[in-house]
Amino acid sequence: MKTTKKFDCVQMKREAAKKIFEETAKMSDRQLIAYWRKKLDAMRERRKTP
């Protein structure tokens, strides 16, 4: 029996990876470090807020 999924985790992961690749494709090493630090800081801020 085949069921239809409302949410596809693999598809979401692939779309996120594609977006990040497109955003970072032409960045230098320093720019990449700054990019990921900014993303990490944003994640930490979201975790602080209840």
N, C-alpha and C. Protein backbone atom coordinates (compact mmCIF):
# COMPACT_ATOMS: atom_id res chain seq x y z
N MET A 1 0.83 -1.18 0.00
CA MET A 1 0.00 0.00 0.00
C MET A 1 0.88 1.25 0.00
N LYS A 2 0.63 2.13 -0.94
CA LYS A 2 1.42 3.35 -1.05
C LYS A 2 0.63 4.52 -0.48
N THR A 3 1.30 5.31 0.33
CA THR A 3 0.65 6.49 0.90
C THR A 3 1.28 7.74 0.32
N THR A 4 0.54 8.82 0.30
CA THR A 4 1.09 10.08 -0.16
C THR A 4 1.60 10.86 1.05
N LYS A 5 2.77 11.42 0.88
CA LYS A 5 3.39 12.17 1.97
C LYS A 5 2.98 13.64 1.88
N LYS A 6 2.73 14.22 3.03
CA LYS A 6 2.46 15.66 3.08
C LYS A 6 3.77 16.43 3.16
N PHE A 7 4.81 15.75 3.64
CA PHE A 7 6.10 16.40 3.85
C PHE A 7 7.19 15.45 3.39
N ASP A 8 8.09 15.94 2.56
CA ASP A 8 9.18 15.12 2.05
C ASP A 8 10.50 15.69 2.56
N CYS A 9 11.08 15.03 3.54
CA CYS A 9 12.31 15.50 4.18
C CYS A 9 13.47 15.57 3.19
N VAL A 10 13.60 14.57 2.34
CA VAL A 10 14.71 14.54 1.38
C VAL A 10 14.58 15.71 0.40
N GLN A 11 13.38 15.98 -0.07
CA GLN A 11 13.18 17.10 -0.98
C GLN A 11 13.51 18.42 -0.30
N MET A 12 13.09 18.59 0.96
CA MET A 12 13.39 19.81 1.70
C MET A 12 14.89 19.98 1.85
N LYS A 13 15.60 18.91 2.18
CA LYS A 13 17.05 18.95 2.34
C LYS A 13 17.74 19.35 1.04
N ARG A 14 17.29 18.78 -0.07
CA ARG A 14 17.89 19.09 -1.37
C ARG A 14 17.65 20.54 -1.76
N GLU A 15 16.45 21.05 -1.50
CA GLU A 15 16.14 22.44 -1.82
C GLU A 15 16.99 23.40 -0.98
N ALA A 16 17.17 23.07 0.30
CA ALA A 16 17.98 23.90 1.18
C ALA A 16 19.44 23.89 0.73
N ALA A 17 19.95 22.72 0.38
CA ALA A 17 21.33 22.61 -0.09
C ALA A 17 21.54 23.39 -1.38
N LYS A 18 20.57 23.33 -2.28
CA LYS A 18 20.66 24.07 -3.54
C LYS A 18 20.69 25.57 -3.28
N LYS A 19 19.82 26.03 -2.38
CA LYS A 19 19.78 27.46 -2.04
C LYS A 19 21.11 27.93 -1.46
N ILE A 20 21.66 27.15 -0.53
CA ILE A 20 22.94 27.52 0.07
C ILE A 20 24.05 27.51 -0.98
N PHE A 21 24.06 26.52 -1.85
CA PHE A 21 25.06 26.46 -2.91
C PHE A 21 24.99 27.70 -3.80
N GLU A 22 23.78 28.08 -4.18
CA GLU A 22 23.61 29.25 -5.04
C GLU A 22 24.06 30.53 -4.34
N GLU A 23 23.80 30.64 -3.04
CA GLU A 23 24.18 31.83 -2.28
C GLU A 23 25.69 31.91 -2.08
N THR A 24 26.36 30.77 -2.01
CA THR A 24 27.78 30.76 -1.62
C THR A 24 28.73 30.39 -2.75
N ALA A 25 28.23 30.11 -3.93
CA ALA A 25 29.06 29.57 -5.02
C ALA A 25 30.27 30.43 -5.35
N LYS A 26 30.12 31.73 -5.32
CA LYS A 26 31.23 32.61 -5.73
C LYS A 26 31.91 33.30 -4.56
N MET A 27 31.70 32.80 -3.37
CA MET A 27 32.30 33.42 -2.18
C MET A 27 33.72 32.93 -1.96
N SER A 28 34.52 33.84 -1.42
CA SER A 28 35.88 33.46 -1.02
C SER A 28 35.80 32.72 0.31
N ASP A 29 36.93 32.19 0.76
CA ASP A 29 36.95 31.49 2.05
C ASP A 29 36.52 32.40 3.19
N ARG A 30 37.00 33.63 3.18
CA ARG A 30 36.62 34.58 4.24
C ARG A 30 35.13 34.88 4.21
N GLN A 31 34.59 35.03 3.01
CA GLN A 31 33.16 35.29 2.88
C GLN A 31 32.34 34.10 3.36
N LEU A 32 32.80 32.90 3.06
CA LEU A 32 32.11 31.70 3.53
C LEU A 32 32.09 31.62 5.06
N ILE A 33 33.21 31.93 5.67
CA ILE A 33 33.29 31.92 7.13
C ILE A 33 32.31 32.93 7.71
N ALA A 34 32.27 34.13 7.14
CA ALA A 34 31.34 35.16 7.60
C ALA A 34 29.89 34.73 7.40
N TYR A 35 29.61 34.09 6.28
CA TYR A 35 28.27 33.60 5.97
C TYR A 35 27.81 32.62 7.03
N TRP A 36 28.65 31.63 7.35
CA TRP A 36 28.25 30.60 8.31
C TRP A 36 28.21 31.14 9.74
N ARG A 37 29.08 32.10 10.06
CA ARG A 37 29.00 32.72 11.39
C ARG A 37 27.68 33.46 11.55
N LYS A 38 27.27 34.17 10.51
CA LYS A 38 26.01 34.91 10.55
C LYS A 38 24.84 33.94 10.72
N LYS A 39 24.85 32.83 9.98
CA LYS A 39 23.79 31.83 10.10
C LYS A 39 23.78 31.22 11.51
N LEU A 40 24.95 30.95 12.06
CA LEU A 40 25.05 30.38 13.39
C LEU A 40 24.53 31.36 14.45
N ASP A 41 24.90 32.62 14.31
CA ASP A 41 24.41 33.64 15.25
C ASP A 41 22.89 33.75 15.20
N ALA A 42 22.32 33.71 13.98
CA ALA A 42 20.87 33.78 13.83
C ALA A 42 20.19 32.58 14.49
N MET A 43 20.78 31.40 14.33
CA MET A 43 20.22 30.21 14.94
C MET A 43 20.27 30.32 16.47
N ARG A 44 21.37 30.81 16.99
CA ARG A 44 21.49 30.96 18.44
C ARG A 44 20.46 31.95 18.98
N GLU A 45 20.20 33.02 18.24
CA GLU A 45 19.19 33.99 18.64
C GLU A 45 17.81 33.36 18.66
N ARG A 46 17.50 32.56 17.66
CA ARG A 46 16.19 31.90 17.61
C ARG A 46 16.02 30.95 18.79
N ARG A 47 17.09 30.30 19.20
CA ARG A 47 17.00 29.35 20.32
C ARG A 47 16.79 30.07 21.64
N LYS A 48 17.28 31.31 21.77
CA LYS A 48 17.10 32.08 23.00
C LYS A 48 15.65 32.47 23.22
N THR A 49 14.97 32.80 22.14
CA THR A 49 13.61 33.30 22.22
C THR A 49 12.63 32.15 22.42
N PRO A 50 11.81 32.23 23.49
CA PRO A 50 10.85 31.13 23.73
C PRO A 50 9.71 31.11 22.72
